[in-house]
Amino acid sequence: MIILGIDPGSWTTGFGLIDCAAGGPRYLASGSIEAPARSELAVRLVHLAEALQAVIGRHQPELVAIEKPFHGVNSHSAIVLAEARGALLVTLARGGLAIEEYAPASVKSAVAGHGRADKGQVARMVRLQLGIATREMGPDESDALAVALCAAARRPLQERLARATARVLR
């Protein structure tokens, strides 16, 4: 299963792809979608949606994991981030992709072992788990890979719950 992790932002959105075949998660690709400099929000949202569509077309993920917004930002930043997430979610939904959302603390806990890990700790654990120690990576990229790893870690539990629910409903 190919999982696309997304760390949303209105200026920079990180993405990371992992393959969760037998033997554990394997790094496929990652990067950042950068908004055009000094552009209006509507232009940034169109650019974000089009660039995400290109990533989806190139890598054909089966599942997308996106980080939920953190509540500690000011109201203007929260609104702009919500608008960026909206553009991303519409793009993903139009593609018919399964979407899961994870809170930042859940992502940090799944990757680093505790929900208060800092960005440096998360980045180190992403590199360790995916064996990508030699590649330069920005914080949005490593955060997106962390979101993908969180989804991968949760898959076995979710699949067991789905099977158990199906048995009960029969």
N, C-alpha and C. Protein backbone atom coordinates (compact mmCIF):
# COMPACT_ATOMS: atom_id res chain seq x y z
N MET A 1 0.84 -1.18 0.00
CA MET A 1 0.00 0.00 0.00
C MET A 1 0.88 1.24 0.00
N ILE A 2 0.60 2.14 -0.90
CA ILE A 2 1.33 3.41 -0.95
C ILE A 2 0.52 4.46 -0.19
N ILE A 3 1.18 5.09 0.78
CA ILE A 3 0.55 6.12 1.61
C ILE A 3 1.21 7.46 1.31
N LEU A 4 0.37 8.46 1.06
CA LEU A 4 0.81 9.84 0.88
C LEU A 4 0.52 10.60 2.17
N GLY A 5 1.56 11.14 2.79
CA GLY A 5 1.39 11.98 3.97
C GLY A 5 1.48 13.44 3.55
N ILE A 6 0.64 14.27 4.16
CA ILE A 6 0.61 15.69 3.83
C ILE A 6 0.69 16.53 5.09
N ASP A 7 1.62 17.50 5.08
CA ASP A 7 1.73 18.53 6.11
C ASP A 7 1.25 19.82 5.46
N PRO A 8 -0.02 20.21 5.68
CA PRO A 8 -0.59 21.33 4.94
C PRO A 8 -0.07 22.69 5.38
N GLY A 9 -0.02 23.59 4.43
CA GLY A 9 0.34 24.98 4.68
C GLY A 9 -0.07 25.81 3.49
N SER A 10 -0.30 27.09 3.69
CA SER A 10 -0.74 27.94 2.57
C SER A 10 0.44 28.47 1.77
N TRP A 11 1.63 28.51 2.35
CA TRP A 11 2.82 28.92 1.62
C TRP A 11 3.66 27.72 1.22
N THR A 12 3.81 26.77 2.14
CA THR A 12 4.58 25.56 1.87
C THR A 12 3.81 24.36 2.40
N THR A 13 3.56 23.40 1.54
CA THR A 13 2.91 22.15 1.92
C THR A 13 3.90 21.02 1.67
N GLY A 14 4.15 20.23 2.71
CA GLY A 14 5.05 19.10 2.56
C GLY A 14 4.28 17.85 2.16
N PHE A 15 4.93 16.98 1.38
CA PHE A 15 4.34 15.69 1.05
C PHE A 15 5.41 14.62 1.16
N GLY A 16 4.97 13.41 1.52
CA GLY A 16 5.89 12.29 1.62
C GLY A 16 5.16 11.01 1.29
N LEU A 17 5.80 10.16 0.53
CA LEU A 17 5.20 8.89 0.12
C LEU A 17 6.01 7.72 0.63
N ILE A 18 5.31 6.75 1.20
CA ILE A 18 5.95 5.52 1.65
C ILE A 18 5.19 4.33 1.10
N ASP A 19 5.89 3.23 0.96
CA ASP A 19 5.29 1.97 0.53
C ASP A 19 5.28 1.04 1.73
N CYS A 20 4.12 0.54 2.07
CA CYS A 20 3.98 -0.30 3.26
C CYS A 20 3.82 -1.76 2.91
N ALA A 21 4.60 -2.22 1.98
CA ALA A 21 4.59 -3.65 1.64
C ALA A 21 5.21 -4.43 2.80
N ALA A 22 5.22 -5.74 2.69
CA ALA A 22 5.80 -6.59 3.73
C ALA A 22 7.22 -6.15 4.03
N GLY A 23 7.57 -6.19 5.31
CA GLY A 23 8.91 -5.80 5.71
C GLY A 23 9.00 -4.40 6.26
N GLY A 24 7.88 -3.72 6.38
CA GLY A 24 7.88 -2.39 6.96
C GLY A 24 7.87 -1.28 5.92
N PRO A 25 7.65 -0.07 6.37
CA PRO A 25 7.54 1.06 5.45
C PRO A 25 8.86 1.35 4.74
N ARG A 26 8.75 1.75 3.47
CA ARG A 26 9.92 2.07 2.65
C ARG A 26 9.70 3.43 2.01
N TYR A 27 10.72 4.27 2.05
CA TYR A 27 10.67 5.60 1.47
C TYR A 27 10.52 5.53 -0.04
N LEU A 28 9.59 6.32 -0.60
CA LEU A 28 9.43 6.41 -2.05
C LEU A 28 9.84 7.80 -2.57
N ALA A 29 9.25 8.84 -2.00
CA ALA A 29 9.51 10.20 -2.48
C ALA A 29 9.00 11.19 -1.45
N SER A 30 9.50 12.41 -1.54
CA SER A 30 9.00 13.48 -0.68
C SER A 30 9.41 14.81 -1.28
N GLY A 31 8.79 15.86 -0.81
CA GLY A 31 9.11 17.19 -1.29
C GLY A 31 8.21 18.23 -0.68
N SER A 32 8.31 19.42 -1.21
CA SER A 32 7.48 20.53 -0.75
C SER A 32 6.85 21.22 -1.95
N ILE A 33 5.63 21.65 -1.75
CA ILE A 33 4.93 22.45 -2.75
C ILE A 33 5.04 23.89 -2.26
N GLU A 34 5.75 24.71 -3.00
CA GLU A 34 5.99 26.10 -2.62
C GLU A 34 5.03 27.01 -3.39
N ALA A 35 4.37 27.91 -2.67
CA ALA A 35 3.48 28.87 -3.32
C ALA A 35 4.30 29.91 -4.07
N PRO A 36 3.75 30.42 -5.16
CA PRO A 36 4.46 31.50 -5.87
C PRO A 36 4.66 32.71 -4.94
N ALA A 37 5.83 33.31 -5.00
CA ALA A 37 6.16 34.44 -4.13
C ALA A 37 5.16 35.58 -4.31
N ARG A 38 4.80 36.20 -3.20
CA ARG A 38 3.92 37.38 -3.16
C ARG A 38 2.60 37.20 -3.91
N SER A 39 2.07 35.98 -3.89
CA SER A 39 0.82 35.74 -4.61
C SER A 39 -0.37 35.85 -3.65
N GLU A 40 -1.50 36.15 -4.21
CA GLU A 40 -2.74 36.21 -3.45
C GLU A 40 -3.14 34.80 -3.01
N LEU A 41 -3.95 34.72 -1.97
CA LEU A 41 -4.36 33.43 -1.43
C LEU A 41 -5.02 32.55 -2.49
N ALA A 42 -5.93 33.09 -3.28
CA ALA A 42 -6.62 32.27 -4.29
C ALA A 42 -5.63 31.66 -5.28
N VAL A 43 -4.62 32.40 -5.67
CA VAL A 43 -3.60 31.91 -6.59
C VAL A 43 -2.79 30.79 -5.92
N ARG A 44 -2.46 30.98 -4.64
CA ARG A 44 -1.73 29.95 -3.90
C ARG A 44 -2.54 28.67 -3.80
N LEU A 45 -3.84 28.78 -3.55
CA LEU A 45 -4.69 27.60 -3.42
C LEU A 45 -4.79 26.83 -4.73
N VAL A 46 -4.91 27.53 -5.84
CA VAL A 46 -4.94 26.87 -7.15
C VAL A 46 -3.61 26.15 -7.39
N HIS A 47 -2.51 26.83 -7.11
CA HIS A 47 -1.19 26.22 -7.29
C HIS A 47 -1.05 24.97 -6.42
N LEU A 48 -1.49 25.07 -5.18
CA LEU A 48 -1.42 23.96 -4.23
C LEU A 48 -2.22 22.76 -4.75
N ALA A 49 -3.44 23.00 -5.20
CA ALA A 49 -4.30 21.92 -5.70
C ALA A 49 -3.71 21.28 -6.95
N GLU A 50 -3.22 22.08 -7.87
CA GLU A 50 -2.65 21.54 -9.11
C GLU A 50 -1.38 20.74 -8.85
N ALA A 51 -0.53 21.24 -7.96
CA ALA A 51 0.71 20.52 -7.64
C ALA A 51 0.40 19.21 -6.92
N LEU A 52 -0.57 19.22 -6.03
CA LEU A 52 -0.96 17.98 -5.34
C LEU A 52 -1.52 16.98 -6.34
N GLN A 53 -2.32 17.45 -7.29
CA GLN A 53 -2.86 16.56 -8.32
C GLN A 53 -1.74 15.91 -9.11
N ALA A 54 -0.69 16.65 -9.39
CA ALA A 54 0.46 16.09 -10.12
C ALA A 54 1.16 15.02 -9.29
N VAL A 55 1.31 15.25 -7.99
CA VAL A 55 1.94 14.25 -7.11
C VAL A 55 1.10 12.97 -7.10
N ILE A 56 -0.21 13.12 -6.99
CA ILE A 56 -1.11 11.96 -6.98
C ILE A 56 -1.01 11.20 -8.30
N GLY A 57 -1.02 11.92 -9.40
CA GLY A 57 -0.93 11.28 -10.70
C GLY A 57 0.38 10.53 -10.90
N ARG A 58 1.45 11.08 -10.37
CA ARG A 58 2.78 10.47 -10.52
C ARG A 58 2.95 9.23 -9.66
N HIS A 59 2.38 9.23 -8.45
CA HIS A 59 2.67 8.16 -7.48
C HIS A 59 1.50 7.23 -7.18
N GLN A 60 0.28 7.60 -7.54
CA GLN A 60 -0.90 6.74 -7.37
C GLN A 60 -1.05 6.18 -5.94
N PRO A 61 -1.13 7.03 -4.91
CA PRO A 61 -1.29 6.50 -3.55
C PRO A 61 -2.66 5.85 -3.36
N GLU A 62 -2.72 4.93 -2.43
CA GLU A 62 -3.98 4.26 -2.12
C GLU A 62 -4.64 4.88 -0.90
N LEU A 63 -3.85 5.57 -0.09
CA LEU A 63 -4.34 6.21 1.13
C LEU A 63 -3.61 7.52 1.31
N VAL A 64 -4.34 8.53 1.79
CA VAL A 64 -3.73 9.82 2.09
C VAL A 64 -3.96 10.12 3.56
N ALA A 65 -2.89 10.49 4.24
CA ALA A 65 -2.96 10.90 5.64
C ALA A 65 -2.58 12.38 5.70
N ILE A 66 -3.42 13.17 6.32
CA ILE A 66 -3.19 14.62 6.39
C ILE A 66 -3.22 15.06 7.85
N GLU A 67 -2.34 15.98 8.19
CA GLU A 67 -2.29 16.45 9.57
C GLU A 67 -3.42 17.43 9.84
N LYS A 68 -4.06 17.28 10.99
CA LYS A 68 -5.08 18.21 11.43
C LYS A 68 -4.40 19.48 11.90
N PRO A 69 -5.11 20.60 11.86
CA PRO A 69 -4.48 21.86 12.29
C PRO A 69 -4.22 21.87 13.79
N PHE A 70 -3.16 22.58 14.15
CA PHE A 70 -2.81 22.80 15.55
C PHE A 70 -3.57 24.04 16.02
N HIS A 71 -4.17 23.98 17.19
CA HIS A 71 -5.04 25.07 17.65
C HIS A 71 -4.31 26.26 18.24
N GLY A 72 -2.98 26.20 18.38
CA GLY A 72 -2.25 27.26 19.05
C GLY A 72 -1.89 28.44 18.16
N VAL A 73 -2.36 28.46 16.93
CA VAL A 73 -2.02 29.56 16.03
C VAL A 73 -3.04 30.68 16.18
N ASN A 74 -2.69 31.90 15.70
CA ASN A 74 -3.65 33.01 15.80
C ASN A 74 -4.81 32.78 14.84
N SER A 75 -5.88 33.50 15.02
CA SER A 75 -7.11 33.23 14.26
C SER A 75 -6.92 33.45 12.77
N HIS A 76 -6.18 34.47 12.36
CA HIS A 76 -5.96 34.71 10.93
C HIS A 76 -5.19 33.54 10.31
N SER A 77 -4.15 33.09 10.97
CA SER A 77 -3.37 31.95 10.47
C SER A 77 -4.22 30.69 10.41
N ALA A 78 -5.07 30.49 11.41
CA ALA A 78 -5.93 29.31 11.43
C ALA A 78 -6.91 29.32 10.26
N ILE A 79 -7.45 30.49 9.93
CA ILE A 79 -8.39 30.59 8.82
C ILE A 79 -7.68 30.30 7.50
N VAL A 80 -6.50 30.88 7.30
CA VAL A 80 -5.76 30.65 6.06
C VAL A 80 -5.36 29.18 5.93
N LEU A 81 -4.93 28.56 7.03
CA LEU A 81 -4.58 27.15 7.01
C LEU A 81 -5.81 26.30 6.68
N ALA A 82 -6.96 26.66 7.25
CA ALA A 82 -8.20 25.93 6.95
C ALA A 82 -8.55 26.03 5.47
N GLU A 83 -8.32 27.18 4.88
CA GLU A 83 -8.60 27.34 3.46
C GLU A 83 -7.65 26.47 2.62
N ALA A 84 -6.39 26.41 3.01
CA ALA A 84 -5.42 25.56 2.30
C ALA A 84 -5.80 24.08 2.45
N ARG A 85 -6.16 23.67 3.65
CA ARG A 85 -6.60 22.29 3.87
C ARG A 85 -7.84 21.98 3.03
N GLY A 86 -8.73 22.95 2.92
CA GLY A 86 -9.93 22.76 2.10
C GLY A 86 -9.57 22.49 0.64
N ALA A 87 -8.64 23.26 0.10
CA ALA A 87 -8.20 23.03 -1.29
C ALA A 87 -7.58 21.65 -1.44
N LEU A 88 -6.79 21.24 -0.46
CA LEU A 88 -6.17 19.91 -0.49
C LEU A 88 -7.23 18.81 -0.41
N LEU A 89 -8.16 18.95 0.53
CA LEU A 89 -9.18 17.92 0.73
C LEU A 89 -10.09 17.78 -0.49
N VAL A 90 -10.43 18.88 -1.13
CA VAL A 90 -11.25 18.81 -2.34
C VAL A 90 -10.49 18.06 -3.44
N THR A 91 -9.22 18.36 -3.59
CA THR A 91 -8.39 17.68 -4.59
C THR A 91 -8.34 16.19 -4.32
N LEU A 92 -8.15 15.82 -3.06
CA LEU A 92 -8.07 14.40 -2.69
C LEU A 92 -9.42 13.70 -2.89
N ALA A 93 -10.50 14.36 -2.49
CA ALA A 93 -11.83 13.76 -2.63
C ALA A 93 -12.20 13.58 -4.09
N ARG A 94 -11.84 14.54 -4.93
CA ARG A 94 -12.12 14.41 -6.37
C ARG A 94 -11.38 13.22 -6.97
N GLY A 95 -10.24 12.88 -6.39
CA GLY A 95 -9.48 11.73 -6.87
C GLY A 95 -9.99 10.41 -6.32
N GLY A 96 -11.01 10.46 -5.45
CA GLY A 96 -11.58 9.25 -4.88
C GLY A 96 -10.66 8.54 -3.89
N LEU A 97 -9.74 9.28 -3.31
CA LEU A 97 -8.77 8.68 -2.39
C LEU A 97 -9.33 8.55 -0.97
N ALA A 98 -8.92 7.49 -0.29
CA ALA A 98 -9.24 7.33 1.13
C ALA A 98 -8.40 8.34 1.90
N ILE A 99 -9.03 9.06 2.82
CA ILE A 99 -8.35 10.13 3.55
C ILE A 99 -8.48 9.86 5.05
N GLU A 100 -7.36 9.95 5.76
CA GLU A 100 -7.35 9.88 7.21
C GLU A 100 -6.69 11.13 7.74
N GLU A 101 -7.19 11.63 8.87
CA GLU A 101 -6.64 12.84 9.47
C GLU A 101 -6.08 12.51 10.85
N TYR A 102 -4.92 13.10 11.16
CA TYR A 102 -4.25 12.82 12.43
C TYR A 102 -3.84 14.12 13.10
N ALA A 103 -4.05 14.20 14.41
CA ALA A 103 -3.62 15.35 15.19
C ALA A 103 -2.09 15.32 15.33
N PRO A 104 -1.47 16.49 15.42
CA PRO A 104 -0.01 16.53 15.55
C PRO A 104 0.53 15.67 16.70
N ALA A 105 -0.14 15.64 17.83
CA ALA A 105 0.34 14.83 18.96
C ALA A 105 0.30 13.34 18.63
N SER A 106 -0.70 12.90 17.88
CA SER A 106 -0.78 11.49 17.47
C SER A 106 0.36 11.13 16.53
N VAL A 107 0.68 12.04 15.62
CA VAL A 107 1.78 11.82 14.68
C VAL A 107 3.10 11.71 15.44
N LYS A 108 3.34 12.65 16.34
CA LYS A 108 4.58 12.65 17.12
C LYS A 108 4.69 11.40 17.97
N SER A 109 3.58 10.99 18.57
CA SER A 109 3.57 9.79 19.40
C SER A 109 3.88 8.54 18.59
N ALA A 110 3.29 8.44 17.40
CA ALA A 110 3.49 7.26 16.55
C ALA A 110 4.92 7.17 16.05
N VAL A 111 5.54 8.30 15.78
CA VAL A 111 6.87 8.31 15.18
C VAL A 111 7.99 8.39 16.22
N ALA A 112 7.82 9.25 17.22
CA ALA A 112 8.90 9.50 18.18
C ALA A 112 8.64 8.89 19.56
N GLY A 113 7.46 8.37 19.78
CA GLY A 113 7.19 7.72 21.06
C GLY A 113 6.49 8.58 22.09
N HIS A 114 6.40 9.90 21.84
CA HIS A 114 5.64 10.76 22.75
C HIS A 114 5.11 11.96 21.98
N GLY A 115 3.95 12.45 22.42
CA GLY A 115 3.24 13.49 21.69
C GLY A 115 3.80 14.89 21.80
N ARG A 116 4.86 15.06 22.59
CA ARG A 116 5.46 16.40 22.74
C ARG A 116 6.85 16.48 22.11
N ALA A 117 7.16 15.54 21.23
CA ALA A 117 8.47 15.55 20.56
C ALA A 117 8.61 16.82 19.73
N ASP A 118 9.84 17.36 19.68
CA ASP A 118 10.05 18.55 18.85
C ASP A 118 10.33 18.14 17.41
N LYS A 119 10.36 19.15 16.53
CA LYS A 119 10.54 18.87 15.09
C LYS A 119 11.84 18.12 14.82
N GLY A 120 12.89 18.43 15.55
CA GLY A 120 14.17 17.75 15.37
C GLY A 120 14.09 16.27 15.71
N GLN A 121 13.41 15.96 16.82
CA GLN A 121 13.24 14.55 17.20
C GLN A 121 12.42 13.80 16.16
N VAL A 122 11.35 14.42 15.69
CA VAL A 122 10.50 13.79 14.68
C VAL A 122 11.31 13.53 13.41
N ALA A 123 12.06 14.53 12.97
CA ALA A 123 12.86 14.38 11.75
C ALA A 123 13.89 13.26 11.89
N ARG A 124 14.54 13.16 13.05
CA ARG A 124 15.52 12.09 13.27
C ARG A 124 14.86 10.72 13.22
N MET A 125 13.69 10.59 13.84
CA MET A 125 13.00 9.30 13.84
C MET A 125 12.49 8.92 12.44
N VAL A 126 12.04 9.90 11.68
CA VAL A 126 11.62 9.64 10.30
C VAL A 126 12.80 9.10 9.51
N ARG A 127 13.95 9.76 9.64
CA ARG A 127 15.15 9.33 8.92
C ARG A 127 15.55 7.91 9.33
N LEU A 128 15.51 7.64 10.63
CA LEU A 128 15.87 6.30 11.13
C LEU A 128 14.92 5.24 10.61
N GLN A 129 13.62 5.50 10.72
CA GLN A 129 12.64 4.49 10.34
C GLN A 129 12.62 4.22 8.84
N LEU A 130 12.98 5.23 8.05
CA LEU A 130 12.93 5.06 6.60
C LEU A 130 14.32 4.89 5.97
N GLY A 131 15.37 4.97 6.78
CA GLY A 131 16.72 4.78 6.27
C GLY A 131 17.14 5.81 5.25
N ILE A 132 16.84 7.07 5.51
CA ILE A 132 17.17 8.14 4.56
C ILE A 132 18.10 9.17 5.19
N ALA A 133 19.10 8.71 5.89
CA ALA A 133 19.99 9.59 6.65
C ALA A 133 20.83 10.52 5.77
N THR A 134 21.06 10.19 4.53
CA THR A 134 21.96 11.00 3.71
C THR A 134 21.27 12.09 2.93
N ARG A 135 19.97 12.11 2.85
CA ARG A 135 19.24 13.06 2.02
C ARG A 135 18.85 14.30 2.81
N GLU A 136 19.07 15.47 2.24
CA GLU A 136 18.60 16.71 2.85
C GLU A 136 17.08 16.76 2.80
N MET A 137 16.48 17.26 3.86
CA MET A 137 15.02 17.26 3.93
C MET A 137 14.57 18.45 4.77
N GLY A 138 13.61 19.20 4.25
CA GLY A 138 13.05 20.32 4.99
C GLY A 138 12.05 19.86 6.03
N PRO A 139 11.68 20.74 6.96
CA PRO A 139 10.76 20.36 8.03
C PRO A 139 9.36 19.97 7.54
N ASP A 140 8.89 20.59 6.47
CA ASP A 140 7.56 20.24 5.95
C ASP A 140 7.58 18.84 5.35
N GLU A 141 8.68 18.51 4.71
CA GLU A 141 8.86 17.19 4.11
C GLU A 141 8.92 16.10 5.19
N SER A 142 9.74 16.32 6.22
CA SER A 142 9.86 15.30 7.27
C SER A 142 8.55 15.18 8.06
N ASP A 143 7.85 16.28 8.26
CA ASP A 143 6.55 16.22 8.93
C ASP A 143 5.55 15.41 8.11
N ALA A 144 5.57 15.60 6.78
CA ALA A 144 4.65 14.85 5.92
C ALA A 144 4.96 13.35 5.96
N LEU A 145 6.24 13.01 5.95
CA LEU A 145 6.62 11.60 6.06
C LEU A 145 6.21 11.03 7.43
N ALA A 146 6.29 11.85 8.47
CA ALA A 146 5.85 11.42 9.80
C ALA A 146 4.35 11.11 9.80
N VAL A 147 3.57 11.93 9.10
CA VAL A 147 2.12 11.70 9.01
C VAL A 147 1.86 10.38 8.28
N ALA A 148 2.61 10.12 7.21
CA ALA A 148 2.46 8.85 6.48
C ALA A 148 2.84 7.67 7.38
N LEU A 149 3.92 7.81 8.15
CA LEU A 149 4.34 6.73 9.06
C LEU A 149 3.30 6.50 10.15
N CYS A 150 2.67 7.57 10.63
CA CYS A 150 1.60 7.44 11.62
C CYS A 150 0.45 6.61 11.04
N ALA A 151 0.06 6.91 9.82
CA ALA A 151 -1.02 6.14 9.18
C ALA A 151 -0.63 4.69 9.01
N ALA A 152 0.63 4.45 8.63
CA ALA A 152 1.11 3.07 8.47
C ALA A 152 1.08 2.32 9.79
N ALA A 153 1.44 2.99 10.86
CA ALA A 153 1.45 2.34 12.18
C ALA A 153 0.04 2.01 12.65
N ARG A 154 -0.93 2.81 12.25
CA ARG A 154 -2.32 2.61 12.67
C ARG A 154 -3.06 1.58 11.81
N ARG A 155 -2.57 1.27 10.60
CA ARG A 155 -3.26 0.37 9.68
C ARG A 155 -3.58 -1.00 10.27
N PRO A 156 -2.62 -1.70 10.88
CA PRO A 156 -2.96 -3.04 11.39
C PRO A 156 -4.10 -3.02 12.40
N LEU A 157 -4.12 -2.05 13.28
CA LEU A 157 -5.19 -1.95 14.27
C LEU A 157 -6.52 -1.67 13.58
N GLN A 158 -6.53 -0.75 12.63
CA GLN A 158 -7.76 -0.42 11.93
C GLN A 158 -8.29 -1.61 11.13
N GLU A 159 -7.40 -2.38 10.54
CA GLU A 159 -7.84 -3.56 9.79
C GLU A 159 -8.41 -4.62 10.71
N ARG A 160 -7.80 -4.82 11.87
CA ARG A 160 -8.35 -5.79 12.84
C ARG A 160 -9.71 -5.34 13.34
N LEU A 161 -9.87 -4.05 13.61
CA LEU A 161 -11.17 -3.53 14.05
C LEU A 161 -12.23 -3.71 12.97
N ALA A 162 -11.88 -3.48 11.73
CA ALA A 162 -12.83 -3.65 10.63
C ALA A 162 -13.27 -5.10 10.50
N ARG A 163 -12.31 -6.04 10.63
CA ARG A 163 -12.67 -7.47 10.55
C ARG A 163 -13.56 -7.87 11.72
N ALA A 164 -13.24 -7.38 12.91
CA ALA A 164 -14.05 -7.71 14.09
C ALA A 164 -15.45 -7.15 13.96
N THR A 165 -15.58 -5.94 13.46
CA THR A 165 -16.89 -5.31 13.27
C THR A 165 -17.69 -6.10 12.23
N ALA A 166 -17.04 -6.51 11.16
CA ALA A 166 -17.74 -7.29 10.12
C ALA A 166 -18.25 -8.61 10.68
N ARG A 167 -17.47 -9.26 11.55
CA ARG A 167 -17.92 -10.51 12.16
C ARG A 167 -19.13 -10.29 13.05
N VAL A 168 -19.13 -9.22 13.82
CA VAL A 168 -20.24 -8.92 14.72
C VAL A 168 -21.50 -8.61 13.93
N LEU A 169 -21.36 -7.93 12.82
CA LEU A 169 -22.53 -7.54 12.03
C LEU A 169 -23.13 -8.67 11.21
N ARG A 170 -22.40 -9.77 11.06
CA ARG A 170 -22.94 -10.90 10.29
C ARG A 170 -23.94 -11.65 11.06
